């Protein structure tokens, strides 16, 4: 009989998250002109963890992954940093901010 350690690396990262990795209210970078839908974060962030994920807000309303936006890595395997909105934010009117956890 073998005893398997149920604490995976992903679970350990969630359980031992330090507040210095948490980013709240970060403005995403990219031209906001009513046409552009691609925005980047200033830092790489984690994504698709069961309890810790990107939270994206447009004018204070939380957007839904797949319904409102998609997330990509600009360099595969290095962490997520790119968001593609399905509807572009308007020039001067819309505020796009994100909450996320940075990559170790």
PDB file of N, CA and C in Angstrom:
ATOM      1  N   UNK A   1       0.834  -1.166   0.000  1.00  0.00           N
ATOM      2  CA  UNK A   1       0.000   0.000   0.000  1.00  0.00           C
ATOM      3  C   UNK A   1       0.896   1.252   0.000  1.00  0.00           C
ATOM      4  N   UNK A   2       0.516   2.240  -0.797  1.00  0.00           N
ATOM      5  CA  UNK A   2       1.269   3.488  -0.903  1.00  0.00           C
ATOM      6  C   UNK A   2       0.442   4.642  -0.350  1.00  0.00           C
ATOM      7  N   UNK A   3       1.122   5.540   0.312  1.00  0.00           N
ATOM      8  CA  UNK A   3       0.475   6.744   0.802  1.00  0.00           C
ATOM      9  C   UNK A   3       0.796   7.866  -0.175  1.00  0.00           C
ATOM     10  N   UNK A   4      -0.220   8.439  -0.779  1.00  0.00           N
ATOM     11  CA  UNK A   4      -0.034   9.488  -1.770  1.00  0.00           C
ATOM     12  C   UNK A   4      -0.251  10.839  -1.107  1.00  0.00           C
ATOM     13  N   UNK A   5       0.648  11.769  -1.350  1.00  0.00           N
ATOM     14  CA  UNK A   5       0.514  13.109  -0.805  1.00  0.00           C
ATOM     15  C   UNK A   5      -0.565  13.852  -1.597  1.00  0.00           C
ATOM     16  N   UNK A   6      -1.698  14.199  -0.984  1.00  0.00           N
ATOM     17  CA  UNK A   6      -2.774  14.869  -1.714  1.00  0.00           C
ATOM     18  C   UNK A   6      -2.501  16.346  -1.976  1.00  0.00           C
ATOM     19  N   UNK A   7      -1.413  16.891  -1.430  1.00  0.00           N
ATOM     20  CA  UNK A   7      -1.109  18.308  -1.575  1.00  0.00           C
ATOM     21  C   UNK A   7      -0.297  18.531  -2.846  1.00  0.00           C
ATOM     22  N   UNK A   8      -0.980  18.867  -3.923  1.00  0.00           N
ATOM     23  CA  UNK A   8      -0.301  19.120  -5.191  1.00  0.00           C
ATOM     24  C   UNK A   8       0.319  20.512  -5.172  1.00  0.00           C
ATOM     25  N   UNK A   9       1.199  20.795  -6.119  1.00  0.00           N
ATOM     26  CA  UNK A   9       1.822  22.114  -6.216  1.00  0.00           C
ATOM     27  C   UNK A   9       0.758  23.193  -6.405  1.00  0.00           C
ATOM     28  N   UNK A  10      -0.242  22.910  -7.237  1.00  0.00           N
ATOM     29  CA  UNK A  10      -1.296  23.887  -7.490  1.00  0.00           C
ATOM     30  C   UNK A  10      -2.079  24.178  -6.203  1.00  0.00           C
ATOM     31  N   UNK A  11      -2.415  23.147  -5.466  1.00  0.00           N
ATOM     32  CA  UNK A  11      -3.144  23.331  -4.208  1.00  0.00           C
ATOM     33  C   UNK A  11      -2.276  24.069  -3.188  1.00  0.00           C
ATOM     34  N   UNK A  12      -0.999  23.735  -3.145  1.00  0.00           N
ATOM     35  CA  UNK A  12      -0.088  24.414  -2.217  1.00  0.00           C
ATOM     36  C   UNK A  12      -0.008  25.901  -2.529  1.00  0.00           C
ATOM     37  N   UNK A  13       0.003  26.267  -3.810  1.00  0.00           N
ATOM     38  CA  UNK A  13       0.044  27.674  -4.188  1.00  0.00           C
ATOM     39  C   UNK A  13      -1.214  28.398  -3.729  1.00  0.00           C
ATOM     40  N   UNK A  14      -2.349  27.707  -3.749  1.00  0.00           N
ATOM     41  CA  UNK A  14      -3.597  28.327  -3.314  1.00  0.00           C
ATOM     42  C   UNK A  14      -3.645  28.455  -1.796  1.00  0.00           C
ATOM     43  N   UNK A  15      -3.199  27.426  -1.085  1.00  0.00           N
ATOM     44  CA  UNK A  15      -3.271  27.434   0.366  1.00  0.00           C
ATOM     45  C   UNK A  15      -2.280  28.412   0.987  1.00  0.00           C
ATOM     46  N   UNK A  16      -1.155  28.613   0.336  1.00  0.00           N
ATOM     47  CA  UNK A  16      -0.094  29.433   0.906  1.00  0.00           C
ATOM     48  C   UNK A  16       0.123  30.704   0.100  1.00  0.00           C
ATOM     49  N   UNK A  17      -0.953  31.288  -0.363  1.00  0.00           N
ATOM     50  CA  UNK A  17      -0.882  32.532  -1.108  1.00  0.00           C
ATOM     51  C   UNK A  17      -0.523  33.672  -0.173  1.00  0.00           C
ATOM     52  N   UNK A  18       0.509  34.415  -0.548  1.00  0.00           N
ATOM     53  CA  UNK A  18       0.901  35.566   0.257  1.00  0.00           C
ATOM     54  C   UNK A  18       0.287  36.823  -0.352  1.00  0.00           C
ATOM     55  N   UNK A  19      -0.012  37.775   0.493  1.00  0.00           N
ATOM     56  CA  UNK A  19      -0.694  38.983   0.028  1.00  0.00           C
ATOM     57  C   UNK A  19       0.161  39.819  -0.916  1.00  0.00           C
ATOM     58  N   UNK A  20       1.477  39.631  -0.906  1.00  0.00           N
ATOM     59  CA  UNK A  20       2.316  40.416  -1.812  1.00  0.00           C
ATOM     60  C   UNK A  20       2.157  39.986  -3.267  1.00  0.00           C
ATOM     61  N   UNK A  21       1.502  38.862  -3.521  1.00  0.00           N
ATOM     62  CA  UNK A  21       1.230  38.417  -4.896  1.00  0.00           C
ATOM     63  C   UNK A  21      -0.148  38.865  -5.390  1.00  0.00           C
ATOM     64  N   UNK A  22      -0.991  39.353  -4.511  1.00  0.00           N
ATOM     65  CA  UNK A  22      -2.353  39.751  -4.865  1.00  0.00           C
ATOM     66  C   UNK A  22      -2.366  41.173  -5.416  1.00  0.00           C
ATOM     67  N   UNK A  23      -2.956  41.348  -6.588  1.00  0.00           N
ATOM     68  CA  UNK A  23      -3.091  42.670  -7.209  1.00  0.00           C
ATOM     69  C   UNK A  23      -4.586  42.977  -7.341  1.00  0.00           C
ATOM     70  N   UNK A  24      -4.991  44.157  -6.904  1.00  0.00           N
ATOM     71  CA  UNK A  24      -6.399  44.551  -6.921  1.00  0.00           C
ATOM     72  C   UNK A  24      -6.535  45.909  -7.592  1.00  0.00           C
ATOM     73  N   UNK A  25      -7.485  46.034  -8.506  1.00  0.00           N
ATOM     74  CA  UNK A  25      -7.771  47.307  -9.152  1.00  0.00           C
ATOM     75  C   UNK A  25      -6.707  47.763 -10.127  1.00  0.00           C
ATOM     76  N   UNK A  26      -6.086  46.834 -10.822  1.00  0.00           N
ATOM     77  CA  UNK A  26      -5.017  47.158 -11.768  1.00  0.00           C
ATOM     78  C   UNK A  26      -5.620  47.506 -13.129  1.00  0.00           C
ATOM     79  N   UNK A  27      -5.236  48.654 -13.659  1.00  0.00           N
ATOM     80  CA  UNK A  27      -5.687  49.045 -15.005  1.00  0.00           C
ATOM     81  C   UNK A  27      -4.893  48.280 -16.047  1.00  0.00           C
ATOM     82  N   UNK A  28      -5.591  47.675 -16.985  1.00  0.00           N
ATOM     83  CA  UNK A  28      -4.930  46.944 -18.053  1.00  0.00           C
ATOM     84  C   UNK A  28      -4.436  47.916 -19.112  1.00  0.00           C
ATOM     85  N   UNK A  29      -3.362  47.544 -19.792  1.00  0.00           N
ATOM     86  CA  UNK A  29      -2.716  48.414 -20.763  1.00  0.00           C
ATOM     87  C   UNK A  29      -3.167  48.089 -22.173  1.00  0.00           C
ATOM     88  N   UNK A  30      -3.392  49.123 -22.954  1.00  0.00           N
ATOM     89  CA  UNK A  30      -3.799  48.979 -24.350  1.00  0.00           C
ATOM     90  C   UNK A  30      -4.655  50.163 -24.751  1.00  0.00           C
ATOM     91  N   UNK A  31      -4.669  50.478 -26.050  1.00  0.00           N
ATOM     92  CA  UNK A  31      -5.474  51.614 -26.499  1.00  0.00           C
ATOM     93  C   UNK A  31      -6.964  51.364 -26.293  1.00  0.00           C
ATOM     94  N   UNK A  32      -7.615  52.304 -25.662  1.00  0.00           N
ATOM     95  CA  UNK A  32      -9.054  52.219 -25.424  1.00  0.00           C
ATOM     96  C   UNK A  32      -9.723  53.204 -26.385  1.00  0.00           C
ATOM     97  N   UNK A  33     -10.100  52.688 -27.560  1.00  0.00           N
ATOM     98  CA  UNK A  33     -10.572  53.558 -28.628  1.00  0.00           C
ATOM     99  C   UNK A  33     -11.888  53.120 -29.261  1.00  0.00           C
ATOM    100  N   UNK A  34     -12.571  52.174 -28.667  1.00  0.00           N
ATOM    101  CA  UNK A  34     -13.816  51.688 -29.228  1.00  0.00           C
ATOM    102  C   UNK A  34     -13.626  50.622 -30.294  1.00  0.00           C
ATOM    103  N   UNK A  35     -12.356  50.316 -30.624  1.00  0.00           N
ATOM    104  CA  UNK A  35     -12.042  49.303 -31.644  1.00  0.00           C
ATOM    105  C   UNK A  35     -11.156  48.200 -31.066  1.00  0.00           C
ATOM    106  N   UNK A  36     -10.141  48.580 -30.288  1.00  0.00           N
ATOM    107  CA  UNK A  36      -9.187  47.621 -29.733  1.00  0.00           C
ATOM    108  C   UNK A  36      -9.847  46.701 -28.715  1.00  0.00           C
ATOM    109  N   UNK A  37      -9.533  45.414 -28.792  1.00  0.00           N
ATOM    110  CA  UNK A  37     -10.064  44.445 -27.833  1.00  0.00           C
ATOM    111  C   UNK A  37      -8.961  43.717 -27.068  1.00  0.00           C
ATOM    112  N   UNK A  38      -7.681  44.005 -27.369  1.00  0.00           N
ATOM    113  CA  UNK A  38      -6.553  43.320 -26.730  1.00  0.00           C
ATOM    114  C   UNK A  38      -5.916  44.223 -25.671  1.00  0.00           C
ATOM    115  N   UNK A  39      -5.808  43.705 -24.449  1.00  0.00           N
ATOM    116  CA  UNK A  39      -5.212  44.442 -23.346  1.00  0.00           C
ATOM    117  C   UNK A  39      -4.248  43.527 -22.603  1.00  0.00           C
ATOM    118  N   UNK A  40      -3.213  44.120 -22.009  1.00  0.00           N
ATOM    119  CA  UNK A  40      -2.224  43.337 -21.268  1.00  0.00           C
ATOM    120  C   UNK A  40      -2.108  43.840 -19.841  1.00  0.00           C
ATOM    121  N   UNK A  41      -1.702  42.939 -18.969  1.00  0.00           N
ATOM    122  CA  UNK A  41      -1.455  43.306 -17.579  1.00  0.00           C
ATOM    123  C   UNK A  41       0.019  43.646 -17.421  1.00  0.00           C
ATOM    124  N   UNK A  42       0.355  44.480 -16.452  1.00  0.00           N
ATOM    125  CA  UNK A  42       1.759  44.828 -16.243  1.00  0.00           C
ATOM    126  C   UNK A  42       2.600  43.655 -15.739  1.00  0.00           C
ATOM    127  N   UNK A  43       1.947  42.619 -15.188  1.00  0.00           N
ATOM    128  CA  UNK A  43       2.649  41.450 -14.656  1.00  0.00           C
ATOM    129  C   UNK A  43       1.960  40.184 -15.135  1.00  0.00           C
ATOM    130  N   UNK A  44       2.697  39.091 -15.152  1.00  0.00           N
ATOM    131  CA  UNK A  44       2.111  37.779 -15.468  1.00  0.00           C
ATOM    132  C   UNK A  44       1.243  37.356 -14.290  1.00  0.00           C
ATOM    133  N   UNK A  45       0.122  36.682 -14.592  1.00  0.00           N
ATOM    134  CA  UNK A  45      -0.775  36.250 -13.528  1.00  0.00           C
ATOM    135  C   UNK A  45      -1.191  34.796 -13.705  1.00  0.00           C
ATOM    136  N   UNK A  46      -1.649  34.190 -12.604  1.00  0.00           N
ATOM    137  CA  UNK A  46      -2.137  32.814 -12.642  1.00  0.00           C
ATOM    138  C   UNK A  46      -3.535  32.803 -13.239  1.00  0.00           C
ATOM    139  N   UNK A  47      -3.918  31.639 -13.770  1.00  0.00           N
ATOM    140  CA  UNK A  47      -5.235  31.520 -14.380  1.00  0.00           C
ATOM    141  C   UNK A  47      -5.669  30.056 -14.363  1.00  0.00           C
ATOM    142  N   UNK A  48      -6.959  29.836 -14.240  1.00  0.00           N
ATOM    143  CA  UNK A  48      -7.576  28.506 -14.247  1.00  0.00           C
ATOM    144  C   UNK A  48      -7.295  27.690 -13.002  1.00  0.00           C
ATOM    145  N   UNK A  49      -7.003  28.337 -11.912  1.00  0.00           N
ATOM    146  CA  UNK A  49      -6.943  27.628 -10.654  1.00  0.00           C
ATOM    147  C   UNK A  49      -8.355  27.565 -10.096  1.00  0.00           C
ATOM    148  N   UNK A  50      -8.697  26.512  -9.398  1.00  0.00           N
ATOM    149  CA  UNK A  50     -10.090  26.374  -8.934  1.00  0.00           C
ATOM    150  C   UNK A  50     -10.604  27.523  -8.086  1.00  0.00           C
ATOM    151  N   UNK A  51      -9.762  28.129  -7.258  1.00  0.00           N
ATOM    152  CA  UNK A  51     -10.269  29.157  -6.356  1.00  0.00           C
ATOM    153  C   UNK A  51      -9.676  30.533  -6.595  1.00  0.00           C
ATOM    154  N   UNK A  52      -8.571  30.610  -7.315  1.00  0.00           N
ATOM    155  CA  UNK A  52      -7.905  31.881  -7.554  1.00  0.00           C
ATOM    156  C   UNK A  52      -7.825  32.090  -9.047  1.00  0.00           C
ATOM    157  N   UNK A  53      -8.384  33.164  -9.525  1.00  0.00           N
ATOM    158  CA  UNK A  53      -8.446  33.388 -10.956  1.00  0.00           C
ATOM    159  C   UNK A  53      -8.454  34.889 -11.221  1.00  0.00           C
ATOM    160  N   UNK A  54      -8.393  35.241 -12.467  1.00  0.00           N
ATOM    161  CA  UNK A  54      -8.506  36.630 -12.883  1.00  0.00           C
ATOM    162  C   UNK A  54      -9.941  37.111 -12.680  1.00  0.00           C
ATOM    163  N   UNK A  55     -10.096  38.286 -12.109  1.00  0.00           N
ATOM    164  CA  UNK A  55     -11.397  38.944 -12.042  1.00  0.00           C
ATOM    165  C   UNK A  55     -11.275  40.216 -12.858  1.00  0.00           C
ATOM    166  N   UNK A  56     -12.096  40.345 -13.872  1.00  0.00           N
ATOM    167  CA  UNK A  56     -12.033  41.484 -14.783  1.00  0.00           C
ATOM    168  C   UNK A  56     -13.325  42.279 -14.664  1.00  0.00           C
ATOM    169  N   UNK A  57     -13.189  43.614 -14.559  1.00  0.00           N
ATOM    170  CA  UNK A  57     -14.343  44.485 -14.363  1.00  0.00           C
ATOM    171  C   UNK A  57     -14.368  45.583 -15.421  1.00  0.00           C
ATOM    172  N   UNK A  58     -15.538  45.818 -15.983  1.00  0.00           N
ATOM    173  CA  UNK A  58     -15.749  46.912 -16.914  1.00  0.00           C
ATOM    174  C   UNK A  58     -16.812  47.818 -16.303  1.00  0.00           C
ATOM    175  N   UNK A  59     -16.406  49.057 -15.966  1.00  0.00           N
ATOM    176  CA  UNK A  59     -17.295  50.018 -15.313  1.00  0.00           C
ATOM    177  C   UNK A  59     -17.913  49.472 -14.029  1.00  0.00           C
ATOM    178  N   UNK A  60     -17.125  48.682 -13.290  1.00  0.00           N
ATOM    179  CA  UNK A  60     -17.576  48.149 -12.010  1.00  0.00           C
ATOM    180  C   UNK A  60     -18.344  46.854 -12.087  1.00  0.00           C
ATOM    181  N   UNK A  61     -18.717  46.408 -13.283  1.00  0.00           N
ATOM    182  CA  UNK A  61     -19.433  45.139 -13.433  1.00  0.00           C
ATOM    183  C   UNK A  61     -18.446  44.031 -13.785  1.00  0.00           C
ATOM    184  N   UNK A  62     -18.525  42.918 -13.057  1.00  0.00           N
ATOM    185  CA  UNK A  62     -17.607  41.811 -13.315  1.00  0.00           C
ATOM    186  C   UNK A  62     -17.966  41.136 -14.627  1.00  0.00           C
ATOM    187  N   UNK A  63     -16.937  40.895 -15.432  1.00  0.00           N
ATOM    188  CA  UNK A  63     -17.107  40.217 -16.714  1.00  0.00           C
ATOM    189  C   UNK A  63     -16.932  38.712 -16.520  1.00  0.00           C
ATOM    190  N   UNK A  64     -17.526  37.939 -17.420  1.00  0.00           N
ATOM    191  CA  UNK A  64     -17.469  36.482 -17.340  1.00  0.00           C
ATOM    192  C   UNK A  64     -16.531  35.918 -18.399  1.00  0.00           C
ATOM    193  N   UNK A  65     -15.637  35.035 -17.961  1.00  0.00           N
ATOM    194  CA  UNK A  65     -14.735  34.351 -18.874  1.00  0.00           C
ATOM    195  C   UNK A  65     -15.551  33.600 -19.922  1.00  0.00           C
ATOM    196  N   UNK A  66     -15.122  33.658 -21.149  1.00  0.00           N
ATOM    197  CA  UNK A  66     -15.731  33.051 -22.338  1.00  0.00           C
ATOM    198  C   UNK A  66     -16.951  33.826 -22.842  1.00  0.00           C
ATOM    199  N   UNK A  67     -17.764  34.373 -21.948  1.00  0.00           N
ATOM    200  CA  UNK A  67     -18.903  35.177 -22.392  1.00  0.00           C
ATOM    201  C   UNK A  67     -18.464  36.590 -22.778  1.00  0.00           C
ATOM    202  N   UNK A  68     -17.525  37.153 -22.015  1.00  0.00           N
ATOM    203  CA  UNK A  68     -17.110  38.539 -22.214  1.00  0.00           C
ATOM    204  C   UNK A  68     -15.642  38.699 -22.614  1.00  0.00           C
ATOM    205  N   UNK A  69     -14.804  37.746 -22.259  1.00  0.00           N
ATOM    206  CA  UNK A  69     -13.381  37.866 -22.552  1.00  0.00           C
ATOM    207  C   UNK A  69     -12.697  36.503 -22.592  1.00  0.00           C
ATOM    208  N   UNK A  70     -11.494  36.491 -23.180  1.00  0.00           N
ATOM    209  CA  UNK A  70     -10.621  35.319 -23.226  1.00  0.00           C
ATOM    210  C   UNK A  70      -9.274  35.728 -22.647  1.00  0.00           C
ATOM    211  N   UNK A  71      -8.497  34.757 -22.177  1.00  0.00           N
ATOM    212  CA  UNK A  71      -7.200  35.021 -21.566  1.00  0.00           C
ATOM    213  C   UNK A  71      -6.129  34.213 -22.297  1.00  0.00           C
ATOM    214  N   UNK A  72      -4.966  34.845 -22.532  1.00  0.00           N
ATOM    215  CA  UNK A  72      -3.875  34.206 -23.277  1.00  0.00           C
ATOM    216  C   UNK A  72      -2.539  34.459 -22.596  1.00  0.00           C
ATOM    217  N   UNK A  73      -1.559  33.640 -22.970  1.00  0.00           N
ATOM    218  CA  UNK A  73      -0.165  33.859 -22.599  1.00  0.00           C
ATOM    219  C   UNK A  73       0.549  34.438 -23.813  1.00  0.00           C
ATOM    220  N   UNK A  74       1.266  35.539 -23.657  1.00  0.00           N
ATOM    221  CA  UNK A  74       2.026  36.073 -24.789  1.00  0.00           C
ATOM    222  C   UNK A  74       3.233  35.188 -25.077  1.00  0.00           C
ATOM    223  N   UNK A  75       3.796  34.579 -24.019  1.00  0.00           N
ATOM    224  CA  UNK A  75       4.865  33.601 -24.159  1.00  0.00           C
ATOM    225  C   UNK A  75       4.405  32.321 -23.475  1.00  0.00           C
ATOM    226  N   UNK A  76       4.107  31.259 -24.234  1.00  0.00           N
ATOM    227  CA  UNK A  76       3.584  30.023 -23.632  1.00  0.00           C
ATOM    228  C   UNK A  76       4.473  29.488 -22.501  1.00  0.00           C
ATOM    229  N   UNK A  77       3.816  29.129 -21.390  1.00  0.00           N
ATOM    230  CA  UNK A  77       4.501  28.571 -20.241  1.00  0.00           C
ATOM    231  C   UNK A  77       5.067  29.584 -19.267  1.00  0.00           C
ATOM    232  N   UNK A  78       4.944  30.882 -19.559  1.00  0.00           N
ATOM    233  CA  UNK A  78       5.515  31.917 -18.706  1.00  0.00           C
ATOM    234  C   UNK A  78       4.487  32.600 -17.809  1.00  0.00           C
ATOM    235  N   UNK A  79       3.210  32.325 -18.003  1.00  0.00           N
ATOM    236  CA  UNK A  79       2.164  32.980 -17.232  1.00  0.00           C
ATOM    237  C   UNK A  79       1.266  33.799 -18.143  1.00  0.00           C
ATOM    238  N   UNK A  80       0.050  33.993 -17.721  1.00  0.00           N
ATOM    239  CA  UNK A  80      -0.923  34.728 -18.513  1.00  0.00           C
ATOM    240  C   UNK A  80      -0.710  36.226 -18.342  1.00  0.00           C
ATOM    241  N   UNK A  81      -0.941  36.986 -19.416  1.00  0.00           N
ATOM    242  CA  UNK A  81      -0.770  38.436 -19.341  1.00  0.00           C
ATOM    243  C   UNK A  81      -1.606  39.186 -20.371  1.00  0.00           C
ATOM    244  N   UNK A  82      -2.392  38.470 -21.176  1.00  0.00           N
ATOM    245  CA  UNK A  82      -3.160  39.103 -22.250  1.00  0.00           C
ATOM    246  C   UNK A  82      -4.636  38.749 -22.127  1.00  0.00           C
ATOM    247  N   UNK A  83      -5.476  39.773 -22.278  1.00  0.00           N
ATOM    248  CA  UNK A  83      -6.932  39.615 -22.228  1.00  0.00           C
ATOM    249  C   UNK A  83      -7.504  40.121 -23.539  1.00  0.00           C
ATOM    250  N   UNK A  84      -8.409  39.338 -24.126  1.00  0.00           N
ATOM    251  CA  UNK A  84      -9.115  39.796 -25.325  1.00  0.00           C
ATOM    252  C   UNK A  84     -10.595  39.907 -24.996  1.00  0.00           C
ATOM    253  N   UNK A  85     -11.101  41.135 -25.047  1.00  0.00           N
ATOM    254  CA  UNK A  85     -12.522  41.367 -24.800  1.00  0.00           C
ATOM    255  C   UNK A  85     -13.315  41.046 -26.059  1.00  0.00           C
ATOM    256  N   UNK A  86     -14.537  40.602 -25.902  1.00  0.00           N
ATOM    257  CA  UNK A  86     -15.373  40.334 -27.063  1.00  0.00           C
ATOM    258  C   UNK A  86     -16.034  41.602 -27.576  1.00  0.00           C
ATOM    259  N   UNK A  87     -16.179  42.605 -26.703  1.00  0.00           N
ATOM    260  CA  UNK A  87     -16.707  43.912 -27.086  1.00  0.00           C
ATOM    261  C   UNK A  87     -15.697  44.973 -26.649  1.00  0.00           C
ATOM    262  N   UNK A  88     -15.238  45.824 -27.559  1.00  0.00           N
ATOM    263  CA  UNK A  88     -14.221  46.813 -27.178  1.00  0.00           C
ATOM    264  C   UNK A  88     -14.778  47.893 -26.251  1.00  0.00           C
ATOM    265  N   UNK A  89     -13.976  48.325 -25.263  1.00  0.00           N
ATOM    266  CA  UNK A  89     -14.406  49.430 -24.408  1.00  0.00           C
ATOM    267  C   UNK A  89     -14.391  50.739 -25.193  1.00  0.00           C
ATOM    268  N   UNK A  90     -15.277  51.650 -24.821  1.00  0.00           N
ATOM    269  CA  UNK A  90     -15.403  52.921 -25.523  1.00  0.00           C
ATOM    270  C   UNK A  90     -14.340  53.919 -25.079  1.00  0.00           C
ATOM    271  N   UNK A  91     -13.988  54.802 -25.969  1.00  0.00           N
ATOM    272  CA  UNK A  91     -12.989  55.826 -25.708  1.00  0.00           C
ATOM    273  C   UNK A  91     -13.464  56.776 -24.616  1.00  0.00           C
ATOM    274  N   UNK A  92     -12.694  56.888 -23.551  1.00  0.00           N
ATOM    275  CA  UNK A  92     -12.961  57.860 -22.502  1.00  0.00           C
ATOM    276  C   UNK A  92     -14.116  57.552 -21.580  1.00  0.00           C
ATOM    277  N   UNK A  93     -14.954  56.598 -21.901  1.00  0.00           N
ATOM    278  CA  UNK A  93     -16.136  56.325 -21.080  1.00  0.00           C
ATOM    279  C   UNK A  93     -15.984  55.096 -20.190  1.00  0.00           C
ATOM    280  N   UNK A  94     -15.309  54.079 -20.681  1.00  0.00           N
ATOM    281  CA  UNK A  94     -15.252  52.811 -19.971  1.00  0.00           C
ATOM    282  C   UNK A  94     -13.976  52.681 -19.145  1.00  0.00           C
ATOM    283  N   UNK A  95     -14.107  52.035 -17.991  1.00  0.00           N
ATOM    284  CA  UNK A  95     -12.969  51.776 -17.107  1.00  0.00           C
ATOM    285  C   UNK A  95     -12.799  50.270 -16.997  1.00  0.00           C
ATOM    286  N   UNK A  96     -11.629  49.777 -17.405  1.00  0.00           N
ATOM    287  CA  UNK A  96     -11.327  48.345 -17.393  1.00  0.00           C
ATOM    288  C   UNK A  96     -10.250  48.088 -16.339  1.00  0.00           C
ATOM    289  N   UNK A  97     -10.595  47.323 -15.302  1.00  0.00           N
ATOM    290  CA  UNK A  97      -9.633  46.992 -14.258  1.00  0.00           C
ATOM    291  C   UNK A  97      -9.661  45.491 -13.975  1.00  0.00           C
ATOM    292  N   UNK A  98      -8.589  45.008 -13.338  1.00  0.00           N
ATOM    293  CA  UNK A  98      -8.470  43.585 -13.073  1.00  0.00           C
ATOM    294  C   UNK A  98      -7.938  43.342 -11.663  1.00  0.00           C
ATOM    295  N   UNK A  99      -8.358  42.212 -11.099  1.00  0.00           N
ATOM    296  CA  UNK A  99      -7.801  41.683  -9.865  1.00  0.00           C
ATOM    297  C   UNK A  99      -7.185  40.325 -10.231  1.00  0.00           C
ATOM    298  N   UNK A 100      -5.961  40.070  -9.787  1.00  0.00           N
ATOM    299  CA  UNK A 100      -5.316  38.799 -10.116  1.00  0.00           C
ATOM    300  C   UNK A 100      -4.209  38.495  -9.115  1.00  0.00           C
ATOM    301  N   UNK A 101      -3.670  37.281  -9.244  1.00  0.00           N
ATOM    302  CA  UNK A 101      -2.548  36.837  -8.436  1.00  0.00           C
ATOM    303  C   UNK A 101      -1.363  36.655  -9.353  1.00  0.00           C
ATOM    304  N   UNK A 102      -0.231  37.267  -9.021  1.00  0.00           N
ATOM    305  CA  UNK A 102       0.947  37.193  -9.874  1.00  0.00           C
ATOM    306  C   UNK A 102       1.557  35.795  -9.830  1.00  0.00           C
ATOM    307  N   UNK A 103       2.288  35.466 -10.880  1.00  0.00           N
ATOM    308  CA  UNK A 103       3.005  34.204 -10.977  1.00  0.00           C
ATOM    309  C   UNK A 103       4.182  34.247 -10.012  1.00  0.00           C
ATOM    310  N   UNK A 104       4.501  33.114  -9.421  1.00  0.00           N
ATOM    311  CA  UNK A 104       5.654  33.031  -8.489  1.00  0.00           C
ATOM    312  C   UNK A 104       6.935  33.441  -9.165  1.00  0.00           C
TER     313      UNK A 104
END
